[in-house]
Amino acid sequence: MSDLKLFKVVGSTVDQLSGGAVALEKALQQTFELNLEALLGVRFLASEFIVEGGRLDTLGIDENNSPVII
């Protein structure tokens, strides 16, 4: 995975935040999952969900009961 970049937006100014790729990705994933409903209108179901041949970082369900995979 390439480096994950986060930005802070204040008004019309954008500043890149510094951070380590692995720690930053996990922290971002946890924050996103805790706020999934507010951010996307998606109900959180599972983190690190194992499927045949891989892993889904975040699994949720939307208002139409359709799966949302992040």
PDB file of N, CA and C in Angstrom:
ATOM      1  N   MET A   1       0.847  -1.174   0.000  1.00  0.00           N
ATOM      2  CA  MET A   1       0.000   0.000   0.000  1.00  0.00           C
ATOM      3  C   MET A   1       0.890   1.233   0.000  1.00  0.00           C
ATOM      4  N   SER A   2       0.526   2.224  -0.770  1.00  0.00           N
ATOM      5  CA  SER A   2       1.286   3.461  -0.773  1.00  0.00           C
ATOM      6  C   SER A   2       0.999   4.224   0.512  1.00  0.00           C
ATOM      7  N   ASP A   3       1.791   5.232   0.768  1.00  0.00           N
ATOM      8  CA  ASP A   3       1.612   6.023   1.983  1.00  0.00           C
ATOM      9  C   ASP A   3       0.239   6.662   2.006  1.00  0.00           C
ATOM     10  N   LEU A   4      -0.366   6.622   3.167  1.00  0.00           N
ATOM     11  CA  LEU A   4      -1.666   7.227   3.387  1.00  0.00           C
ATOM     12  C   LEU A   4      -1.448   8.671   3.782  1.00  0.00           C
ATOM     13  N   LYS A   5      -2.145   9.586   3.167  1.00  0.00           N
ATOM     14  CA  LYS A   5      -1.973  11.000   3.478  1.00  0.00           C
ATOM     15  C   LYS A   5      -3.258  11.563   4.040  1.00  0.00           C
ATOM     16  N   LEU A   6      -3.120  12.347   5.100  1.00  0.00           N
ATOM     17  CA  LEU A   6      -4.254  13.040   5.703  1.00  0.00           C
ATOM     18  C   LEU A   6      -4.031  14.528   5.591  1.00  0.00           C
ATOM     19  N   PHE A   7      -5.146  15.257   5.481  1.00  0.00           N
ATOM     20  CA  PHE A   7      -5.062  16.696   5.354  1.00  0.00           C
ATOM     21  C   PHE A   7      -6.014  17.363   6.334  1.00  0.00           C
ATOM     22  N   LYS A   8      -5.626  18.524   6.789  1.00  0.00           N
ATOM     23  CA  LYS A   8      -6.463  19.352   7.651  1.00  0.00           C
ATOM     24  C   LYS A   8      -6.925  20.525   6.796  1.00  0.00           C
ATOM     25  N   VAL A   9      -8.241  20.730   6.745  1.00  0.00           N
ATOM     26  CA  VAL A   9      -8.805  21.811   5.951  1.00  0.00           C
ATOM     27  C   VAL A   9      -9.372  22.864   6.890  1.00  0.00           C
ATOM     28  N   VAL A  10      -8.877  24.087   6.759  1.00  0.00           N
ATOM     29  CA  VAL A  10      -9.373  25.218   7.543  1.00  0.00           C
ATOM     30  C   VAL A  10      -9.690  26.330   6.544  1.00  0.00           C
ATOM     31  N   GLY A  11     -10.988  26.610   6.395  1.00  0.00           N
ATOM     32  CA  GLY A  11     -11.390  27.599   5.397  1.00  0.00           C
ATOM     33  C   GLY A  11     -11.007  27.109   4.017  1.00  0.00           C
ATOM     34  N   SER A  12     -10.194  27.891   3.317  1.00  0.00           N
ATOM     35  CA  SER A  12      -9.751  27.493   1.982  1.00  0.00           C
ATOM     36  C   SER A  12      -8.303  27.015   1.978  1.00  0.00           C
ATOM     37  N   THR A  13      -7.738  26.770   3.163  1.00  0.00           N
ATOM     38  CA  THR A  13      -6.356  26.323   3.284  1.00  0.00           C
ATOM     39  C   THR A  13      -6.305  24.834   3.601  1.00  0.00           C
ATOM     40  N   VAL A  14      -5.416  24.112   2.909  1.00  0.00           N
ATOM     41  CA  VAL A  14      -5.238  22.679   3.120  1.00  0.00           C
ATOM     42  C   VAL A  14      -3.792  22.438   3.543  1.00  0.00           C
ATOM     43  N   ASP A  15      -3.613  21.752   4.691  1.00  0.00           N
ATOM     44  CA  ASP A  15      -2.282  21.407   5.180  1.00  0.00           C
ATOM     45  C   ASP A  15      -2.190  19.896   5.339  1.00  0.00           C
ATOM     46  N   GLN A  16      -1.103  19.309   4.853  1.00  0.00           N
ATOM     47  CA  GLN A  16      -0.898  17.870   5.015  1.00  0.00           C
ATOM     48  C   GLN A  16      -0.421  17.602   6.435  1.00  0.00           C
ATOM     49  N   LEU A  17      -0.999  16.583   7.064  1.00  0.00           N
ATOM     50  CA  LEU A  17      -0.597  16.184   8.400  1.00  0.00           C
ATOM     51  C   LEU A  17       0.490  15.120   8.305  1.00  0.00           C
ATOM     52  N   SER A  18       1.413  15.124   9.246  1.00  0.00           N
ATOM     53  CA  SER A  18       2.460  14.113   9.241  1.00  0.00           C
ATOM     54  C   SER A  18       2.026  12.918  10.078  1.00  0.00           C
ATOM     55  N   GLY A  19       2.610  11.761   9.811  1.00  0.00           N
ATOM     56  CA  GLY A  19       2.289  10.567  10.572  1.00  0.00           C
ATOM     57  C   GLY A  19       2.870   9.347   9.899  1.00  0.00           C
ATOM     58  N   GLY A  20       3.022   8.271  10.672  1.00  0.00           N
ATOM     59  CA  GLY A  20       3.524   7.021  10.130  1.00  0.00           C
ATOM     60  C   GLY A  20       2.423   6.270   9.406  1.00  0.00           C
ATOM     61  N   ALA A  21       2.747   5.596   8.327  1.00  0.00           N
ATOM     62  CA  ALA A  21       1.751   4.951   7.477  1.00  0.00           C
ATOM     63  C   ALA A  21       0.919   3.913   8.223  1.00  0.00           C
ATOM     64  N   VAL A  22       1.548   2.995   8.945  1.00  0.00           N
ATOM     65  CA  VAL A  22       0.805   1.917   9.598  1.00  0.00           C
ATOM     66  C   VAL A  22      -0.031   2.445  10.749  1.00  0.00           C
ATOM     67  N   ALA A  23       0.572   3.190  11.657  1.00  0.00           N
ATOM     68  CA  ALA A  23      -0.157   3.733  12.799  1.00  0.00           C
ATOM     69  C   ALA A  23      -1.257   4.677  12.326  1.00  0.00           C
ATOM     70  N   LEU A  24      -0.959   5.449  11.325  1.00  0.00           N
ATOM     71  CA  LEU A  24      -1.932   6.407  10.807  1.00  0.00           C
ATOM     72  C   LEU A  24      -3.108   5.695  10.166  1.00  0.00           C
ATOM     73  N   GLU A  25      -2.845   4.626   9.409  1.00  0.00           N
ATOM     74  CA  GLU A  25      -3.933   3.901   8.757  1.00  0.00           C
ATOM     75  C   GLU A  25      -4.872   3.291   9.793  1.00  0.00           C
ATOM     76  N   LYS A  26      -4.338   2.661  10.826  1.00  0.00           N
ATOM     77  CA  LYS A  26      -5.176   2.018  11.847  1.00  0.00           C
ATOM     78  C   LYS A  26      -5.979   3.064  12.613  1.00  0.00           C
ATOM     79  N   ALA A  27      -5.356   4.168  12.973  1.00  0.00           N
ATOM     80  CA  ALA A  27      -6.054   5.231  13.695  1.00  0.00           C
ATOM     81  C   ALA A  27      -7.176   5.812  12.839  1.00  0.00           C
ATOM     82  N   LEU A  28      -6.899   6.020  11.560  1.00  0.00           N
ATOM     83  CA  LEU A  28      -7.911   6.552  10.650  1.00  0.00           C
ATOM     84  C   LEU A  28      -9.056   5.556  10.488  1.00  0.00           C
ATOM     85  N   GLN A  29      -8.730   4.279  10.360  1.00  0.00           N
ATOM     86  CA  GLN A  29      -9.758   3.245  10.221  1.00  0.00           C
ATOM     87  C   GLN A  29     -10.664   3.225  11.449  1.00  0.00           C
ATOM     88  N   GLN A  30     -10.085   3.274  12.630  1.00  0.00           N
ATOM     89  CA  GLN A  30     -10.874   3.252  13.861  1.00  0.00           C
ATOM     90  C   GLN A  30     -11.774   4.484  13.976  1.00  0.00           C
ATOM     91  N   THR A  31     -11.230   5.649  13.675  1.00  0.00           N
ATOM     92  CA  THR A  31     -12.028   6.881  13.724  1.00  0.00           C
ATOM     93  C   THR A  31     -13.162   6.819  12.715  1.00  0.00           C
ATOM     94  N   PHE A  32     -12.859   6.344  11.517  1.00  0.00           N
ATOM     95  CA  PHE A  32     -13.861   6.235  10.467  1.00  0.00           C
ATOM     96  C   PHE A  32     -14.970   5.275  10.879  1.00  0.00           C
ATOM     97  N   GLU A  33     -14.595   4.114  11.435  1.00  0.00           N
ATOM     98  CA  GLU A  33     -15.587   3.124  11.844  1.00  0.00           C
ATOM     99  C   GLU A  33     -16.475   3.647  12.971  1.00  0.00           C
ATOM    100  N   LEU A  34     -15.907   4.394  13.892  1.00  0.00           N
ATOM    101  CA  LEU A  34     -16.687   4.953  14.999  1.00  0.00           C
ATOM    102  C   LEU A  34     -17.684   6.011  14.522  1.00  0.00           C
ATOM    103  N   ASN A  35     -17.433   6.583  13.350  1.00  0.00           N
ATOM    104  CA  ASN A  35     -18.273   7.661  12.833  1.00  0.00           C
ATOM    105  C   ASN A  35     -18.878   7.337  11.467  1.00  0.00           C
ATOM    106  N   LEU A  36     -18.964   6.066  11.144  1.00  0.00           N
ATOM    107  CA  LEU A  36     -19.433   5.637   9.831  1.00  0.00           C
ATOM    108  C   LEU A  36     -20.845   6.115   9.525  1.00  0.00           C
ATOM    109  N   GLU A  37     -21.722   6.056  10.510  1.00  0.00           N
ATOM    110  CA  GLU A  37     -23.112   6.486  10.303  1.00  0.00           C
ATOM    111  C   GLU A  37     -23.172   7.985   9.987  1.00  0.00           C
ATOM    112  N   ALA A  38     -22.448   8.784  10.749  1.00  0.00           N
ATOM    113  CA  ALA A  38     -22.457  10.239  10.535  1.00  0.00           C
ATOM    114  C   ALA A  38     -21.786  10.617   9.216  1.00  0.00           C
ATOM    115  N   LEU A  39     -20.705   9.935   8.871  1.00  0.00           N
ATOM    116  CA  LEU A  39     -19.964  10.282   7.662  1.00  0.00           C
ATOM    117  C   LEU A  39     -20.648   9.826   6.377  1.00  0.00           C
ATOM    118  N   LEU A  40     -21.160   8.597   6.367  1.00  0.00           N
ATOM    119  CA  LEU A  40     -21.686   8.013   5.129  1.00  0.00           C
ATOM    120  C   LEU A  40     -23.117   7.508   5.223  1.00  0.00           C
ATOM    121  N   GLY A  41     -23.711   7.552   6.416  1.00  0.00           N
ATOM    122  CA  GLY A  41     -25.041   6.993   6.580  1.00  0.00           C
ATOM    123  C   GLY A  41     -25.024   5.478   6.510  1.00  0.00           C
ATOM    124  N   VAL A  42     -23.897   4.883   6.900  1.00  0.00           N
ATOM    125  CA  VAL A  42     -23.713   3.436   6.832  1.00  0.00           C
ATOM    126  C   VAL A  42     -23.589   2.883   8.252  1.00  0.00           C
ATOM    127  N   ARG A  43     -24.325   1.810   8.537  1.00  0.00           N
ATOM    128  CA  ARG A  43     -24.252   1.167   9.850  1.00  0.00           C
ATOM    129  C   ARG A  43     -23.056   0.220   9.859  1.00  0.00           C
ATOM    130  N   PHE A  44     -22.191   0.379  10.842  1.00  0.00           N
ATOM    131  CA  PHE A  44     -20.986  -0.442  10.970  1.00  0.00           C
ATOM    132  C   PHE A  44     -21.349  -1.869  11.350  1.00  0.00           C
ATOM    133  N   LEU A  45     -20.736  -2.846  10.671  1.00  0.00           N
ATOM    134  CA  LEU A  45     -20.957  -4.255  10.988  1.00  0.00           C
ATOM    135  C   LEU A  45     -19.703  -4.946  11.520  1.00  0.00           C
ATOM    136  N   ALA A  46     -18.567  -4.772  10.844  1.00  0.00           N
ATOM    137  CA  ALA A  46     -17.373  -5.514  11.244  1.00  0.00           C
ATOM    138  C   ALA A  46     -16.103  -4.820  10.776  1.00  0.00           C
ATOM    139  N   SER A  47     -15.041  -5.079  11.521  1.00  0.00           N
ATOM    140  CA  SER A  47     -13.711  -4.594  11.165  1.00  0.00           C
ATOM    141  C   SER A  47     -12.824  -5.798  10.883  1.00  0.00           C
ATOM    142  N   GLU A  48     -11.964  -5.681   9.868  1.00  0.00           N
ATOM    143  CA  GLU A  48     -11.047  -6.763   9.513  1.00  0.00           C
ATOM    144  C   GLU A  48     -11.811  -8.063   9.243  1.00  0.00           C
ATOM    145  N   PHE A  49     -12.875  -7.967   8.466  1.00  0.00           N
ATOM    146  CA  PHE A  49     -13.746  -9.104   8.159  1.00  0.00           C
ATOM    147  C   PHE A  49     -13.047 -10.027   7.161  1.00  0.00           C
ATOM    148  N   ILE A  50     -12.907 -11.296   7.531  1.00  0.00           N
ATOM    149  CA  ILE A  50     -12.198 -12.269   6.689  1.00  0.00           C
ATOM    150  C   ILE A  50     -13.161 -12.885   5.668  1.00  0.00           C
ATOM    151  N   VAL A  51     -12.740 -12.868   4.406  1.00  0.00           N
ATOM    152  CA  VAL A  51     -13.487 -13.509   3.322  1.00  0.00           C
ATOM    153  C   VAL A  51     -12.521 -14.434   2.586  1.00  0.00           C
ATOM    154  N   GLU A  52     -13.066 -15.313   1.772  1.00  0.00           N
ATOM    155  CA  GLU A  52     -12.207 -16.220   1.011  1.00  0.00           C
ATOM    156  C   GLU A  52     -11.260 -15.409   0.138  1.00  0.00           C
ATOM    157  N   GLY A  53      -9.990 -15.588   0.360  1.00  0.00           N
ATOM    158  CA  GLY A  53      -8.994 -14.909  -0.454  1.00  0.00           C
ATOM    159  C   GLY A  53      -8.601 -13.532   0.031  1.00  0.00           C
ATOM    160  N   GLY A  54      -9.078 -13.111   1.211  1.00  0.00           N
ATOM    161  CA  GLY A  54      -8.669 -11.789   1.659  1.00  0.00           C
ATOM    162  C   GLY A  54      -9.358 -11.295   2.912  1.00  0.00           C
ATOM    163  N   ARG A  55      -9.294  -9.988   3.076  1.00  0.00           N
ATOM    164  CA  ARG A  55      -9.810  -9.345   4.273  1.00  0.00           C
ATOM    165  C   ARG A  55     -10.404  -7.993   3.877  1.00  0.00           C
ATOM    166  N   LEU A  56     -11.560  -7.675   4.454  1.00  0.00           N
ATOM    167  CA  LEU A  56     -12.192  -6.372   4.236  1.00  0.00           C
ATOM    168  C   LEU A  56     -11.871  -5.502   5.440  1.00  0.00           C
ATOM    169  N   ASP A  57     -11.316  -4.323   5.215  1.00  0.00           N
ATOM    170  CA  ASP A  57     -10.984  -3.444   6.338  1.00  0.00           C
ATOM    171  C   ASP A  57     -12.220  -3.108   7.162  1.00  0.00           C
ATOM    172  N   THR A  58     -13.265  -2.637   6.496  1.00  0.00           N
ATOM    173  CA  THR A  58     -14.489  -2.224   7.189  1.00  0.00           C
ATOM    174  C   THR A  58     -15.693  -2.712   6.396  1.00  0.00           C
ATOM    175  N   LEU A  59     -16.652  -3.294   7.098  1.00  0.00           N
ATOM    176  CA  LEU A  59     -17.876  -3.775   6.479  1.00  0.00           C
ATOM    177  C   LEU A  59     -19.058  -3.083   7.142  1.00  0.00           C
ATOM    178  N   GLY A  60     -19.947  -2.570   6.318  1.00  0.00           N
ATOM    179  CA  GLY A  60     -21.141  -1.907   6.825  1.00  0.00           C
ATOM    180  C   GLY A  60     -22.343  -2.227   5.966  1.00  0.00           C
ATOM    181  N   ILE A  61     -23.468  -1.622   6.319  1.00  0.00           N
ATOM    182  CA  ILE A  61     -24.702  -1.813   5.556  1.00  0.00           C
ATOM    183  C   ILE A  61     -25.396  -0.461   5.428  1.00  0.00           C
ATOM    184  N   ASP A  62     -25.885  -0.153   4.232  1.00  0.00           N
ATOM    185  CA  ASP A  62     -26.513   1.155   4.025  1.00  0.00           C
ATOM    186  C   ASP A  62     -28.022   1.101   4.273  1.00  0.00           C
ATOM    187  N   GLU A  63     -28.689   2.221   4.024  1.00  0.00           N
ATOM    188  CA  GLU A  63     -30.128   2.338   4.313  1.00  0.00           C
ATOM    189  C   GLU A  63     -30.982   1.410   3.460  1.00  0.00           C
ATOM    190  N   ASN A  64     -30.422   0.890   2.368  1.00  0.00           N
ATOM    191  CA  ASN A  64     -31.139  -0.064   1.508  1.00  0.00           C
ATOM    192  C   ASN A  64     -30.777  -1.502   1.831  1.00  0.00           C
ATOM    193  N   ASN A  65     -30.085  -1.697   2.956  1.00  0.00           N
ATOM    194  CA  ASN A  65     -29.594  -3.002   3.378  1.00  0.00           C
ATOM    195  C   ASN A  65     -28.616  -3.619   2.377  1.00  0.00           C
ATOM    196  N   SER A  66     -27.896  -2.771   1.662  1.00  0.00           N
ATOM    197  CA  SER A  66     -26.850  -3.216   0.749  1.00  0.00           C
ATOM    198  C   SER A  66     -25.510  -3.155   1.469  1.00  0.00           C
ATOM    199  N   PRO A  67     -24.639  -4.139   1.236  1.00  0.00           N
ATOM    200  CA  PRO A  67     -23.331  -4.110   1.898  1.00  0.00           C
ATOM    201  C   PRO A  67     -22.464  -2.969   1.382  1.00  0.00           C
ATOM    202  N   VAL A  68     -21.694  -2.417   2.292  1.00  0.00           N
ATOM    203  CA  VAL A  68     -20.726  -1.370   1.955  1.00  0.00           C
ATOM    204  C   VAL A  68     -19.372  -1.877   2.419  1.00  0.00           C
ATOM    205  N   ILE A  69     -18.430  -1.964   1.500  1.00  0.00           N
ATOM    206  CA  ILE A  69     -17.098  -2.499   1.801  1.00  0.00           C
ATOM    207  C   ILE A  69     -16.081  -1.370   1.639  1.00  0.00           C
ATOM    208  N   ILE A  70     -15.310  -1.186   2.687  1.00  0.00           N
ATOM    209  CA  ILE A  70     -14.263  -0.142   2.658  1.00  0.00           C
ATOM    210  C   ILE A  70     -12.932  -0.817   2.889  1.00  0.00           C
TER     211      ILE A  70
END
